[in-house]
Amino acid sequence: MTETAPETTPASASVSASSCAPAPAPRPEPAAEGPFAACVLCQEPTEYPRSAKGVTLCPVCEWQEAQRTACSG
């Protein structure tokens, strides 16, 4: 019988796919009750309060934005 050497991978292969994406911005807590902020893209109500700072997106636009900015590979 012959023994096989364990496979080794280059150091660059161990880089995770998430390392090419920027760190996500802090997200506001979802609001329990209205008034809700309008989505900046489609003007639909979001799950965030109107007082939330920054860009507020509805779940559909948030998912589409994540698809556009995801790493391809």
N, C-alpha and C. Protein backbone atom coordinates (compact mmCIF):
# COMPACT_ATOMS: atom_id res chain seq x y z
N MET A 1 0.83 -1.18 0.00
CA MET A 1 0.00 0.00 0.00
C MET A 1 0.88 1.25 0.00
N THR A 2 0.37 2.27 -0.65
CA THR A 2 1.09 3.53 -0.66
C THR A 2 0.25 4.57 0.06
N GLU A 3 0.91 5.43 0.77
CA GLU A 3 0.21 6.50 1.47
C GLU A 3 0.22 7.75 0.60
N THR A 4 -0.87 8.48 0.66
CA THR A 4 -0.94 9.72 -0.10
C THR A 4 -0.74 10.89 0.85
N ALA A 5 -0.09 11.90 0.35
CA ALA A 5 0.14 13.10 1.16
C ALA A 5 -1.16 13.89 1.24
N PRO A 6 -1.40 14.53 2.37
CA PRO A 6 -2.61 15.35 2.47
C PRO A 6 -2.57 16.49 1.46
N GLU A 7 -3.74 16.82 0.93
CA GLU A 7 -3.81 17.90 -0.04
C GLU A 7 -3.63 19.23 0.66
N THR A 8 -2.89 20.10 0.01
CA THR A 8 -2.72 21.44 0.55
C THR A 8 -3.30 22.43 -0.44
N THR A 9 -3.77 23.53 0.09
CA THR A 9 -4.34 24.57 -0.76
C THR A 9 -3.54 25.83 -0.57
N PRO A 10 -3.42 26.64 -1.61
CA PRO A 10 -2.70 27.91 -1.45
C PRO A 10 -3.42 28.81 -0.45
N ALA A 11 -2.67 29.71 0.15
CA ALA A 11 -3.24 30.61 1.16
C ALA A 11 -4.34 31.48 0.57
N SER A 12 -4.23 31.83 -0.70
CA SER A 12 -5.24 32.68 -1.32
C SER A 12 -6.57 31.95 -1.49
N ALA A 13 -6.57 30.62 -1.50
CA ALA A 13 -7.82 29.87 -1.65
C ALA A 13 -8.65 29.88 -0.38
N SER A 14 -8.03 30.19 0.75
CA SER A 14 -8.76 30.17 2.01
C SER A 14 -9.51 31.48 2.28
N VAL A 15 -9.41 32.44 1.40
CA VAL A 15 -10.12 33.72 1.57
C VAL A 15 -11.60 33.47 1.35
N SER A 16 -12.41 33.90 2.28
CA SER A 16 -13.85 33.67 2.17
C SER A 16 -14.46 34.58 1.13
N ALA A 17 -15.60 34.16 0.59
CA ALA A 17 -16.30 34.95 -0.43
C ALA A 17 -16.82 36.25 0.14
N SER A 18 -17.05 36.30 1.44
CA SER A 18 -17.60 37.51 2.03
C SER A 18 -16.56 38.61 2.21
N SER A 19 -15.28 38.30 1.99
CA SER A 19 -14.25 39.30 2.20
C SER A 19 -14.26 40.37 1.12
N CYS A 20 -14.88 40.12 -0.02
CA CYS A 20 -14.90 41.12 -1.08
C CYS A 20 -16.04 42.12 -0.90
N ALA A 21 -16.95 41.86 0.00
CA ALA A 21 -18.07 42.77 0.23
C ALA A 21 -17.74 43.71 1.38
N PRO A 22 -18.18 44.96 1.29
CA PRO A 22 -17.96 45.87 2.41
C PRO A 22 -18.81 45.45 3.60
N ALA A 23 -18.39 45.85 4.77
CA ALA A 23 -19.15 45.53 5.97
C ALA A 23 -20.52 46.20 5.90
N PRO A 24 -21.58 45.51 6.28
CA PRO A 24 -22.90 46.13 6.22
C PRO A 24 -23.02 47.29 7.21
N ALA A 25 -23.76 48.27 6.79
CA ALA A 25 -23.99 49.43 7.65
C ALA A 25 -24.92 49.03 8.79
N PRO A 26 -24.81 49.67 9.93
CA PRO A 26 -25.73 49.36 11.03
C PRO A 26 -27.16 49.66 10.61
N ARG A 27 -28.06 48.75 10.93
CA ARG A 27 -29.45 48.91 10.52
C ARG A 27 -30.28 49.31 11.72
N PRO A 28 -31.26 50.19 11.51
CA PRO A 28 -32.12 50.58 12.62
C PRO A 28 -33.03 49.42 13.01
N GLU A 29 -33.51 49.46 14.23
CA GLU A 29 -34.44 48.44 14.70
C GLU A 29 -35.78 48.61 13.99
N PRO A 30 -36.44 47.51 13.60
CA PRO A 30 -37.77 47.62 12.99
C PRO A 30 -38.75 48.27 13.97
N ALA A 31 -39.66 49.03 13.42
CA ALA A 31 -40.65 49.73 14.23
C ALA A 31 -41.80 48.79 14.57
N ALA A 32 -42.27 48.85 15.80
CA ALA A 32 -43.42 48.03 16.20
C ALA A 32 -44.72 48.64 15.68
N GLU A 33 -44.79 49.96 15.67
CA GLU A 33 -45.98 50.67 15.20
C GLU A 33 -45.54 51.83 14.33
N GLY A 34 -46.45 52.36 13.52
CA GLY A 34 -46.16 53.47 12.61
C GLY A 34 -45.87 54.75 13.36
N PRO A 35 -45.55 55.80 12.68
CA PRO A 35 -45.48 55.89 11.22
C PRO A 35 -44.19 55.26 10.69
N PHE A 36 -44.30 54.65 9.52
CA PHE A 36 -43.17 53.96 8.91
C PHE A 36 -42.53 54.84 7.84
N ALA A 37 -41.21 54.67 7.67
CA ALA A 37 -40.48 55.41 6.65
C ALA A 37 -40.85 54.87 5.27
N ALA A 38 -40.79 55.73 4.27
CA ALA A 38 -41.05 55.33 2.88
C ALA A 38 -39.73 54.85 2.26
N CYS A 39 -39.81 53.84 1.41
CA CYS A 39 -38.64 53.34 0.68
C CYS A 39 -38.14 54.46 -0.23
N VAL A 40 -36.83 54.67 -0.26
CA VAL A 40 -36.28 55.74 -1.09
C VAL A 40 -36.32 55.40 -2.57
N LEU A 41 -36.53 54.15 -2.92
CA LEU A 41 -36.58 53.77 -4.33
C LEU A 41 -37.99 53.67 -4.89
N CYS A 42 -38.91 53.06 -4.13
CA CYS A 42 -40.26 52.83 -4.68
C CYS A 42 -41.37 53.52 -3.89
N GLN A 43 -41.02 54.17 -2.79
CA GLN A 43 -41.96 54.91 -1.92
C GLN A 43 -42.96 54.01 -1.18
N GLU A 44 -42.78 52.70 -1.19
CA GLU A 44 -43.61 51.80 -0.39
C GLU A 44 -43.19 51.93 1.08
N PRO A 45 -44.10 51.65 2.01
CA PRO A 45 -43.71 51.71 3.43
C PRO A 45 -42.68 50.63 3.76
N THR A 46 -41.76 50.96 4.65
CA THR A 46 -40.74 50.00 5.08
C THR A 46 -41.10 49.49 6.46
N GLU A 47 -40.24 48.66 7.01
CA GLU A 47 -40.45 48.17 8.37
C GLU A 47 -39.76 49.06 9.39
N TYR A 48 -39.14 50.15 8.94
CA TYR A 48 -38.40 51.05 9.81
C TYR A 48 -39.22 52.28 10.18
N PRO A 49 -38.97 52.86 11.34
CA PRO A 49 -39.71 54.06 11.73
C PRO A 49 -39.30 55.25 10.86
N ARG A 50 -40.18 56.22 10.77
CA ARG A 50 -39.90 57.41 9.97
C ARG A 50 -38.69 58.17 10.51
N SER A 51 -38.39 58.01 11.78
CA SER A 51 -37.26 58.72 12.40
C SER A 51 -35.92 58.05 12.12
N ALA A 52 -35.89 56.91 11.41
CA ALA A 52 -34.64 56.20 11.12
C ALA A 52 -33.75 57.06 10.22
N LYS A 53 -32.47 57.12 10.54
CA LYS A 53 -31.54 57.90 9.74
C LYS A 53 -30.96 57.03 8.63
N GLY A 54 -30.58 57.66 7.54
CA GLY A 54 -29.96 56.95 6.43
C GLY A 54 -30.97 56.48 5.41
N VAL A 55 -30.52 55.64 4.50
CA VAL A 55 -31.35 55.13 3.42
C VAL A 55 -32.24 54.02 3.95
N THR A 56 -33.55 54.16 3.77
CA THR A 56 -34.49 53.11 4.17
C THR A 56 -35.06 52.47 2.92
N LEU A 57 -35.01 51.14 2.88
CA LEU A 57 -35.50 50.39 1.74
C LEU A 57 -36.57 49.41 2.21
N CYS A 58 -37.57 49.17 1.35
CA CYS A 58 -38.57 48.15 1.64
C CYS A 58 -37.90 46.78 1.46
N PRO A 59 -38.51 45.71 1.94
CA PRO A 59 -37.87 44.39 1.83
C PRO A 59 -37.56 44.00 0.38
N VAL A 60 -38.41 44.34 -0.56
CA VAL A 60 -38.17 43.97 -1.96
C VAL A 60 -36.96 44.72 -2.51
N CYS A 61 -36.92 46.03 -2.32
CA CYS A 61 -35.79 46.82 -2.82
C CYS A 61 -34.50 46.46 -2.09
N GLU A 62 -34.59 46.14 -0.80
CA GLU A 62 -33.42 45.74 -0.04
C GLU A 62 -32.84 44.44 -0.60
N TRP A 63 -33.69 43.50 -0.94
CA TRP A 63 -33.24 42.23 -1.53
C TRP A 63 -32.62 42.46 -2.91
N GLN A 64 -33.26 43.30 -3.73
CA GLN A 64 -32.73 43.59 -5.06
C GLN A 64 -31.38 44.30 -4.97
N GLU A 65 -31.24 45.22 -4.03
CA GLU A 65 -29.97 45.92 -3.84
C GLU A 65 -28.88 44.94 -3.41
N ALA A 66 -29.22 44.00 -2.55
CA ALA A 66 -28.25 42.99 -2.12
C ALA A 66 -27.82 42.12 -3.30
N GLN A 67 -28.74 41.81 -4.20
CA GLN A 67 -28.40 41.03 -5.39
C GLN A 67 -27.46 41.81 -6.31
N ARG A 68 -27.69 43.10 -6.44
CA ARG A 68 -26.85 43.92 -7.33
C ARG A 68 -25.44 44.07 -6.78
N THR A 69 -25.32 44.15 -5.47
CA THR A 69 -24.02 44.42 -4.87
C THR A 69 -23.29 43.16 -4.42
N ALA A 70 -23.91 42.00 -4.59
CA ALA A 70 -23.27 40.75 -4.16
C ALA A 70 -22.06 40.45 -5.04
N CYS A 71 -21.12 39.74 -4.46
CA CYS A 71 -19.94 39.35 -5.22
C CYS A 71 -20.31 38.31 -6.26
N SER A 72 -19.78 38.45 -7.42
CA SER A 72 -19.99 37.41 -8.43
C SER A 72 -18.72 36.56 -8.46
N GLY A 73 -18.91 35.30 -8.68
CA GLY A 73 -17.68 34.58 -8.63
C GLY A 73 -17.75 33.18 -8.96
